[in-house]
């Protein structure tokens, strides 16, 4: 999934609404998804620090509306909802 010219991420799960309905996510000629999906989910074991910091900032700046991180080692789920760009 390509969110910007500098950001290409591989989320574990994402939800995108049909591009004709929302216009937020579209397919590119090289097979990537471009644009911000409505929901991204990461299943984090050893990657929890990256998912809760670097990826959180990337998804926030791209306009991902909802972001969930399941921290399997801590048996916790973190939910982030985008409001007013934050």
PDB file of N, CA and C in Angstrom:
ATOM      1  N   UNK A   1       0.852  -1.151   0.000  1.00  0.00           N
ATOM      2  CA  UNK A   1       0.000   0.000   0.000  1.00  0.00           C
ATOM      3  C   UNK A   1       0.905   1.223   0.000  1.00  0.00           C
ATOM      4  N   UNK A   2       0.679   2.121  -0.933  1.00  0.00           N
ATOM      5  CA  UNK A   2       1.468   3.349  -1.025  1.00  0.00           C
ATOM      6  C   UNK A   2       0.612   4.514  -0.529  1.00  0.00           C
ATOM      7  N   UNK A   3       1.058   5.147   0.562  1.00  0.00           N
ATOM      8  CA  UNK A   3       0.311   6.255   1.143  1.00  0.00           C
ATOM      9  C   UNK A   3       0.815   7.610   0.662  1.00  0.00           C
ATOM     10  N   UNK A   4       2.085   7.667   0.267  1.00  0.00           N
ATOM     11  CA  UNK A   4       2.665   8.892  -0.267  1.00  0.00           C
ATOM     12  C   UNK A   4       3.886   8.504  -1.093  1.00  0.00           C
ATOM     13  N   UNK A   5       4.548   9.483  -1.672  1.00  0.00           N
ATOM     14  CA  UNK A   5       5.737   9.202  -2.473  1.00  0.00           C
ATOM     15  C   UNK A   5       6.858   8.605  -1.622  1.00  0.00           C
ATOM     16  N   UNK A   6       6.853   8.878  -0.314  1.00  0.00           N
ATOM     17  CA  UNK A   6       7.906   8.391   0.575  1.00  0.00           C
ATOM     18  C   UNK A   6       7.477   7.228   1.457  1.00  0.00           C
ATOM     19  N   UNK A   7       6.228   6.832   1.407  1.00  0.00           N
ATOM     20  CA  UNK A   7       5.711   5.867   2.368  1.00  0.00           C
ATOM     21  C   UNK A   7       5.016   4.702   1.676  1.00  0.00           C
ATOM     22  N   UNK A   8       5.614   3.539   1.815  1.00  0.00           N
ATOM     23  CA  UNK A   8       5.018   2.312   1.300  1.00  0.00           C
ATOM     24  C   UNK A   8       4.987   1.321   2.461  1.00  0.00           C
ATOM     25  N   UNK A   9       3.800   0.955   2.911  1.00  0.00           N
ATOM     26  CA  UNK A   9       3.653   0.081   4.076  1.00  0.00           C
ATOM     27  C   UNK A   9       2.888  -1.185   3.692  1.00  0.00           C
ATOM     28  N   UNK A  10       2.989  -2.192   4.558  1.00  0.00           N
ATOM     29  CA  UNK A  10       2.291  -3.454   4.345  1.00  0.00           C
ATOM     30  C   UNK A  10       1.487  -3.788   5.600  1.00  0.00           C
ATOM     31  N   UNK A  11       0.290  -3.229   5.726  1.00  0.00           N
ATOM     32  CA  UNK A  11      -0.518  -3.534   6.910  1.00  0.00           C
ATOM     33  C   UNK A  11      -0.994  -4.981   6.891  1.00  0.00           C
ATOM     34  N   UNK A  12      -1.264  -5.516   8.076  1.00  0.00           N
ATOM     35  CA  UNK A  12      -1.765  -6.885   8.168  1.00  0.00           C
ATOM     36  C   UNK A  12      -3.179  -6.989   7.609  1.00  0.00           C
ATOM     37  N   UNK A  13      -4.019  -6.004   7.915  1.00  0.00           N
ATOM     38  CA  UNK A  13      -5.407  -5.985   7.441  1.00  0.00           C
ATOM     39  C   UNK A  13      -5.773  -4.541   7.130  1.00  0.00           C
ATOM     40  N   UNK A  14      -6.554  -4.338   6.086  1.00  0.00           N
ATOM     41  CA  UNK A  14      -7.081  -3.001   5.818  1.00  0.00           C
ATOM     42  C   UNK A  14      -8.481  -3.115   5.259  1.00  0.00           C
ATOM     43  N   UNK A  15      -9.238  -2.065   5.470  1.00  0.00           N
ATOM     44  CA  UNK A  15     -10.585  -1.973   4.930  1.00  0.00           C
ATOM     45  C   UNK A  15     -10.618  -0.749   4.037  1.00  0.00           C
ATOM     46  N   UNK A  16     -11.018  -0.967   2.809  1.00  0.00           N
ATOM     47  CA  UNK A  16     -11.198   0.167   1.915  1.00  0.00           C
ATOM     48  C   UNK A  16     -12.597   0.106   1.354  1.00  0.00           C
ATOM     49  N   UNK A  17     -13.216   1.244   1.277  1.00  0.00           N
ATOM     50  CA  UNK A  17     -14.529   1.347   0.669  1.00  0.00           C
ATOM     51  C   UNK A  17     -14.309   1.434  -0.835  1.00  0.00           C
ATOM     52  N   UNK A  18     -15.207   0.913  -1.600  1.00  0.00           N
ATOM     53  CA  UNK A  18     -15.102   0.947  -3.053  1.00  0.00           C
ATOM     54  C   UNK A  18     -14.675   2.339  -3.518  1.00  0.00           C
ATOM     55  N   UNK A  19     -13.622   2.382  -4.329  1.00  0.00           N
ATOM     56  CA  UNK A  19     -13.070   3.665  -4.757  1.00  0.00           C
ATOM     57  C   UNK A  19     -14.084   4.546  -5.471  1.00  0.00           C
ATOM     58  N   UNK A  20     -15.053   3.960  -6.136  1.00  0.00           N
ATOM     59  CA  UNK A  20     -16.046   4.783  -6.822  1.00  0.00           C
ATOM     60  C   UNK A  20     -16.957   5.498  -5.823  1.00  0.00           C
ATOM     61  N   UNK A  21     -17.065   4.928  -4.611  1.00  0.00           N
ATOM     62  CA  UNK A  21     -17.914   5.544  -3.593  1.00  0.00           C
ATOM     63  C   UNK A  21     -17.171   6.622  -2.808  1.00  0.00           C
ATOM     64  N   UNK A  22     -15.908   6.378  -2.478  1.00  0.00           N
ATOM     65  CA  UNK A  22     -15.199   7.314  -1.605  1.00  0.00           C
ATOM     66  C   UNK A  22     -14.111   8.103  -2.311  1.00  0.00           C
ATOM     67  N   UNK A  23     -13.485   7.516  -3.317  1.00  0.00           N
ATOM     68  CA  UNK A  23     -12.397   8.184  -4.001  1.00  0.00           C
ATOM     69  C   UNK A  23     -11.116   8.244  -3.198  1.00  0.00           C
ATOM     70  N   UNK A  24     -11.052   7.557  -2.048  1.00  0.00           N
ATOM     71  CA  UNK A  24      -9.874   7.634  -1.176  1.00  0.00           C
ATOM     72  C   UNK A  24      -8.779   6.662  -1.581  1.00  0.00           C
ATOM     73  N   UNK A  25      -9.122   5.462  -2.001  1.00  0.00           N
ATOM     74  CA  UNK A  25      -8.135   4.441  -2.345  1.00  0.00           C
ATOM     75  C   UNK A  25      -8.355   4.010  -3.778  1.00  0.00           C
ATOM     76  N   UNK A  26      -7.257   3.865  -4.502  1.00  0.00           N
ATOM     77  CA  UNK A  26      -7.354   3.430  -5.894  1.00  0.00           C
ATOM     78  C   UNK A  26      -6.187   2.500  -6.199  1.00  0.00           C
ATOM     79  N   UNK A  27      -6.346   1.694  -7.206  1.00  0.00           N
ATOM     80  CA  UNK A  27      -5.283   0.813  -7.649  1.00  0.00           C
ATOM     81  C   UNK A  27      -4.349   1.553  -8.596  1.00  0.00           C
ATOM     82  N   UNK A  28      -3.059   1.233  -8.521  1.00  0.00           N
ATOM     83  CA  UNK A  28      -2.086   1.867  -9.412  1.00  0.00           C
ATOM     84  C   UNK A  28      -1.724   0.900 -10.532  1.00  0.00           C
ATOM     85  N   UNK A  29      -1.053   1.400 -11.543  1.00  0.00           N
ATOM     86  CA  UNK A  29      -0.655   0.577 -12.687  1.00  0.00           C
ATOM     87  C   UNK A  29       0.325  -0.519 -12.283  1.00  0.00           C
ATOM     88  N   UNK A  30       1.108  -0.298 -11.207  1.00  0.00           N
ATOM     89  CA  UNK A  30       2.097  -1.296 -10.781  1.00  0.00           C
ATOM     90  C   UNK A  30       1.569  -2.239  -9.701  1.00  0.00           C
ATOM     91  N   UNK A  31       0.253  -2.221  -9.455  1.00  0.00           N
ATOM     92  CA  UNK A  31      -0.356  -3.189  -8.546  1.00  0.00           C
ATOM     93  C   UNK A  31      -0.455  -2.771  -7.093  1.00  0.00           C
ATOM     94  N   UNK A  32      -0.040  -1.569  -6.754  1.00  0.00           N
ATOM     95  CA  UNK A  32      -0.154  -1.079  -5.384  1.00  0.00           C
ATOM     96  C   UNK A  32      -1.520  -0.445  -5.165  1.00  0.00           C
ATOM     97  N   UNK A  33      -1.939  -0.387  -3.909  1.00  0.00           N
ATOM     98  CA  UNK A  33      -3.072   0.449  -3.536  1.00  0.00           C
ATOM     99  C   UNK A  33      -2.506   1.809  -3.181  1.00  0.00           C
ATOM    100  N   UNK A  34      -3.173   2.857  -3.610  1.00  0.00           N
ATOM    101  CA  UNK A  34      -2.728   4.210  -3.302  1.00  0.00           C
ATOM    102  C   UNK A  34      -3.860   4.962  -2.618  1.00  0.00           C
ATOM    103  N   UNK A  35      -3.502   5.738  -1.596  1.00  0.00           N
ATOM    104  CA  UNK A  35      -4.480   6.497  -0.837  1.00  0.00           C
ATOM    105  C   UNK A  35      -4.753   5.856   0.507  1.00  0.00           C
ATOM    106  N   UNK A  36      -5.454   6.573   1.353  1.00  0.00           N
ATOM    107  CA  UNK A  36      -5.684   6.129   2.723  1.00  0.00           C
ATOM    108  C   UNK A  36      -6.951   5.288   2.831  1.00  0.00           C
ATOM    109  N   UNK A  37      -6.820   4.049   3.337  1.00  0.00           N
ATOM    110  CA  UNK A  37      -8.013   3.246   3.594  1.00  0.00           C
ATOM    111  C   UNK A  37      -8.761   3.765   4.815  1.00  0.00           C
ATOM    112  N   UNK A  38      -9.958   3.293   5.009  1.00  0.00           N
ATOM    113  CA  UNK A  38     -10.763   3.714   6.159  1.00  0.00           C
ATOM    114  C   UNK A  38     -10.250   3.103   7.467  1.00  0.00           C
ATOM    115  N   UNK A  39      -9.737   1.859   7.407  1.00  0.00           N
ATOM    116  CA  UNK A  39      -9.291   1.151   8.609  1.00  0.00           C
ATOM    117  C   UNK A  39      -8.033   0.359   8.294  1.00  0.00           C
ATOM    118  N   UNK A  40      -7.055   0.402   9.228  1.00  0.00           N
ATOM    119  CA  UNK A  40      -5.852  -0.427   9.153  1.00  0.00           C
ATOM    120  C   UNK A  40      -5.721  -1.161  10.474  1.00  0.00           C
ATOM    121  N   UNK A  41      -5.367  -2.455  10.405  1.00  0.00           N
ATOM    122  CA  UNK A  41      -5.131  -3.267  11.597  1.00  0.00           C
ATOM    123  C   UNK A  41      -3.747  -3.881  11.497  1.00  0.00           C
ATOM    124  N   UNK A  42      -2.982  -3.765  12.573  1.00  0.00           N
ATOM    125  CA  UNK A  42      -1.676  -4.418  12.665  1.00  0.00           C
ATOM    126  C   UNK A  42      -1.712  -5.421  13.803  1.00  0.00           C
ATOM    127  N   UNK A  43      -1.187  -6.615  13.564  1.00  0.00           N
ATOM    128  CA  UNK A  43      -0.997  -7.619  14.600  1.00  0.00           C
ATOM    129  C   UNK A  43       0.476  -7.533  14.985  1.00  0.00           C
ATOM    130  N   UNK A  44       0.728  -7.074  16.214  1.00  0.00           N
ATOM    131  CA  UNK A  44       2.090  -6.728  16.614  1.00  0.00           C
ATOM    132  C   UNK A  44       2.605  -7.661  17.696  1.00  0.00           C
ATOM    133  N   UNK A  45       3.687  -8.330  17.393  1.00  0.00           N
ATOM    134  CA  UNK A  45       4.417  -9.082  18.408  1.00  0.00           C
ATOM    135  C   UNK A  45       5.711  -8.305  18.656  1.00  0.00           C
ATOM    136  N   UNK A  46       6.748  -8.619  17.934  1.00  0.00           N
ATOM    137  CA  UNK A  46       8.015  -7.902  18.095  1.00  0.00           C
ATOM    138  C   UNK A  46       7.979  -6.526  17.441  1.00  0.00           C
ATOM    139  N   UNK A  47       6.977  -6.250  16.610  1.00  0.00           N
ATOM    140  CA  UNK A  47       6.913  -4.973  15.888  1.00  0.00           C
ATOM    141  C   UNK A  47       6.079  -3.911  16.600  1.00  0.00           C
ATOM    142  N   UNK A  48       5.668  -4.144  17.834  1.00  0.00           N
ATOM    143  CA  UNK A  48       4.764  -3.223  18.526  1.00  0.00           C
ATOM    144  C   UNK A  48       5.313  -1.805  18.587  1.00  0.00           C
ATOM    145  N   UNK A  49       6.583  -1.645  18.866  1.00  0.00           N
ATOM    146  CA  UNK A  49       7.160  -0.301  18.952  1.00  0.00           C
ATOM    147  C   UNK A  49       7.053   0.440  17.615  1.00  0.00           C
ATOM    148  N   UNK A  50       7.320  -0.235  16.526  1.00  0.00           N
ATOM    149  CA  UNK A  50       7.206   0.373  15.187  1.00  0.00           C
ATOM    150  C   UNK A  50       5.742   0.694  14.888  1.00  0.00           C
ATOM    151  N   UNK A  51       4.853  -0.248  15.190  1.00  0.00           N
ATOM    152  CA  UNK A  51       3.432  -0.063  14.890  1.00  0.00           C
ATOM    153  C   UNK A  51       2.814   1.077  15.697  1.00  0.00           C
ATOM    154  N   UNK A  52       3.265   1.279  16.939  1.00  0.00           N
ATOM    155  CA  UNK A  52       2.687   2.305  17.798  1.00  0.00           C
ATOM    156  C   UNK A  52       3.349   3.670  17.660  1.00  0.00           C
ATOM    157  N   UNK A  53       4.426   3.745  16.908  1.00  0.00           N
ATOM    158  CA  UNK A  53       5.113   5.023  16.746  1.00  0.00           C
ATOM    159  C   UNK A  53       5.239   5.398  15.267  1.00  0.00           C
ATOM    160  N   UNK A  54       6.161   4.752  14.558  1.00  0.00           N
ATOM    161  CA  UNK A  54       6.414   5.107  13.154  1.00  0.00           C
ATOM    162  C   UNK A  54       5.172   4.931  12.281  1.00  0.00           C
ATOM    163  N   UNK A  55       4.563   3.752  12.348  1.00  0.00           N
ATOM    164  CA  UNK A  55       3.392   3.503  11.501  1.00  0.00           C
ATOM    165  C   UNK A  55       2.201   4.354  11.916  1.00  0.00           C
ATOM    166  N   UNK A  56       2.040   4.578  13.202  1.00  0.00           N
ATOM    167  CA  UNK A  56       0.957   5.450  13.666  1.00  0.00           C
ATOM    168  C   UNK A  56       1.086   6.832  13.032  1.00  0.00           C
ATOM    169  N   UNK A  57       2.290   7.400  13.032  1.00  0.00           N
ATOM    170  CA  UNK A  57       2.509   8.720  12.416  1.00  0.00           C
ATOM    171  C   UNK A  57       2.252   8.692  10.913  1.00  0.00           C
ATOM    172  N   UNK A  58       2.706   7.630  10.251  1.00  0.00           N
ATOM    173  CA  UNK A  58       2.496   7.500   8.802  1.00  0.00           C
ATOM    174  C   UNK A  58       1.003   7.443   8.496  1.00  0.00           C
ATOM    175  N   UNK A  59       0.272   6.598   9.211  1.00  0.00           N
ATOM    176  CA  UNK A  59      -1.162   6.459   8.962  1.00  0.00           C
ATOM    177  C   UNK A  59      -1.912   7.750   9.292  1.00  0.00           C
ATOM    178  N   UNK A  60      -1.516   8.415  10.369  1.00  0.00           N
ATOM    179  CA  UNK A  60      -2.154   9.676  10.742  1.00  0.00           C
ATOM    180  C   UNK A  60      -1.943  10.724   9.658  1.00  0.00           C
ATOM    181  N   UNK A  61      -0.715  10.894   9.203  1.00  0.00           N
ATOM    182  CA  UNK A  61      -0.438  11.926   8.196  1.00  0.00           C
ATOM    183  C   UNK A  61      -1.087  11.597   6.854  1.00  0.00           C
ATOM    184  N   UNK A  62      -1.319  10.310   6.585  1.00  0.00           N
ATOM    185  CA  UNK A  62      -1.960   9.908   5.326  1.00  0.00           C
ATOM    186  C   UNK A  62      -3.478  10.058   5.373  1.00  0.00           C
ATOM    187  N   UNK A  63      -4.041  10.190   6.590  1.00  0.00           N
ATOM    188  CA  UNK A  63      -5.483  10.350   6.716  1.00  0.00           C
ATOM    189  C   UNK A  63      -6.261   9.066   6.929  1.00  0.00           C
ATOM    190  N   UNK A  64      -5.584   8.002   7.408  1.00  0.00           N
ATOM    191  CA  UNK A  64      -6.288   6.762   7.744  1.00  0.00           C
ATOM    192  C   UNK A  64      -7.231   7.077   8.900  1.00  0.00           C
ATOM    193  N   UNK A  65      -8.501   6.764   8.743  1.00  0.00           N
ATOM    194  CA  UNK A  65      -9.515   7.176   9.715  1.00  0.00           C
ATOM    195  C   UNK A  65      -9.472   6.394  11.020  1.00  0.00           C
ATOM    196  N   UNK A  66      -9.215   5.075  10.940  1.00  0.00           N
ATOM    197  CA  UNK A  66      -9.162   4.248  12.144  1.00  0.00           C
ATOM    198  C   UNK A  66      -7.978   3.298  12.055  1.00  0.00           C
ATOM    199  N   UNK A  67      -7.302   3.109  13.191  1.00  0.00           N
ATOM    200  CA  UNK A  67      -6.102   2.280  13.246  1.00  0.00           C
ATOM    201  C   UNK A  67      -6.160   1.446  14.518  1.00  0.00           C
ATOM    202  N   UNK A  68      -6.005   0.137  14.369  1.00  0.00           N
ATOM    203  CA  UNK A  68      -6.039  -0.785  15.505  1.00  0.00           C
ATOM    204  C   UNK A  68      -4.737  -1.566  15.532  1.00  0.00           C
ATOM    205  N   UNK A  69      -4.138  -1.655  16.723  1.00  0.00           N
ATOM    206  CA  UNK A  69      -2.931  -2.459  16.918  1.00  0.00           C
ATOM    207  C   UNK A  69      -3.241  -3.508  17.976  1.00  0.00           C
ATOM    208  N   UNK A  70      -3.130  -4.780  17.583  1.00  0.00           N
ATOM    209  CA  UNK A  70      -3.303  -5.882  18.540  1.00  0.00           C
ATOM    210  C   UNK A  70      -1.905  -6.282  19.001  1.00  0.00           C
ATOM    211  N   UNK A  71      -1.572  -5.959  20.246  1.00  0.00           N
ATOM    212  CA  UNK A  71      -0.267  -6.303  20.827  1.00  0.00           C
ATOM    213  C   UNK A  71      -0.387  -7.694  21.448  1.00  0.00           C
ATOM    214  N   UNK A  72       0.031  -8.702  20.722  1.00  0.00           N
ATOM    215  CA  UNK A  72      -0.177 -10.089  21.138  1.00  0.00           C
ATOM    216  C   UNK A  72       0.614 -10.453  22.394  1.00  0.00           C
ATOM    217  N   UNK A  73       1.819  -9.916  22.562  1.00  0.00           N
ATOM    218  CA  UNK A  73       2.617 -10.243  23.750  1.00  0.00           C
ATOM    219  C   UNK A  73       2.023  -9.641  25.011  1.00  0.00           C
ATOM    220  N   UNK A  74       1.384  -8.481  24.888  1.00  0.00           N
ATOM    221  CA  UNK A  74       0.784  -7.805  26.038  1.00  0.00           C
ATOM    222  C   UNK A  74      -0.693  -8.140  26.209  1.00  0.00           C
ATOM    223  N   UNK A  75      -1.257  -8.864  25.240  1.00  0.00           N
ATOM    224  CA  UNK A  75      -2.686  -9.187  25.239  1.00  0.00           C
ATOM    225  C   UNK A  75      -3.534  -7.913  25.360  1.00  0.00           C
ATOM    226  N   UNK A  76      -3.171  -6.905  24.519  1.00  0.00           N
ATOM    227  CA  UNK A  76      -3.867  -5.618  24.531  1.00  0.00           C
ATOM    228  C   UNK A  76      -4.203  -5.195  23.114  1.00  0.00           C
ATOM    229  N   UNK A  77      -5.239  -4.382  23.009  1.00  0.00           N
ATOM    230  CA  UNK A  77      -5.635  -3.799  21.732  1.00  0.00           C
ATOM    231  C   UNK A  77      -5.663  -2.284  21.898  1.00  0.00           C
ATOM    232  N   UNK A  78      -4.960  -1.589  20.998  1.00  0.00           N
ATOM    233  CA  UNK A  78      -4.955  -0.125  20.988  1.00  0.00           C
ATOM    234  C   UNK A  78      -5.776   0.349  19.793  1.00  0.00           C
ATOM    235  N   UNK A  79      -6.654   1.318  20.033  1.00  0.00           N
ATOM    236  CA  UNK A  79      -7.496   1.867  18.987  1.00  0.00           C
ATOM    237  C   UNK A  79      -7.200   3.355  18.844  1.00  0.00           C
ATOM    238  N   UNK A  80      -7.031   3.794  17.594  1.00  0.00           N
ATOM    239  CA  UNK A  80      -6.800   5.202  17.292  1.00  0.00           C
ATOM    240  C   UNK A  80      -7.815   5.631  16.234  1.00  0.00           C
ATOM    241  N   UNK A  81      -8.503   6.713  16.511  1.00  0.00           N
ATOM    242  CA  UNK A  81      -9.454   7.274  15.551  1.00  0.00           C
ATOM    243  C   UNK A  81      -9.010   8.663  15.154  1.00  0.00           C
ATOM    244  N   UNK A  82      -9.001   8.945  13.875  1.00  0.00           N
ATOM    245  CA  UNK A  82      -8.565  10.237  13.372  1.00  0.00           C
ATOM    246  C   UNK A  82      -9.681  11.271  13.533  1.00  0.00           C
ATOM    247  N   UNK A  83      -9.356  12.361  14.222  1.00  0.00           N
ATOM    248  CA  UNK A  83     -10.303  13.465  14.404  1.00  0.00           C
ATOM    249  C   UNK A  83      -9.532  14.766  14.292  1.00  0.00           C
ATOM    250  N   UNK A  84      -9.972  15.641  13.420  1.00  0.00           N
ATOM    251  CA  UNK A  84      -9.292  16.917  13.205  1.00  0.00           C
ATOM    252  C   UNK A  84      -7.824  16.736  12.846  1.00  0.00           C
ATOM    253  N   UNK A  85      -7.523  15.692  12.060  1.00  0.00           N
ATOM    254  CA  UNK A  85      -6.152  15.450  11.608  1.00  0.00           C
ATOM    255  C   UNK A  85      -5.230  14.841  12.631  1.00  0.00           C
ATOM    256  N   UNK A  86      -5.782  14.473  13.797  1.00  0.00           N
ATOM    257  CA  UNK A  86      -4.964  13.885  14.867  1.00  0.00           C
ATOM    258  C   UNK A  86      -5.593  12.618  15.381  1.00  0.00           C
TER     259      UNK A  86
END
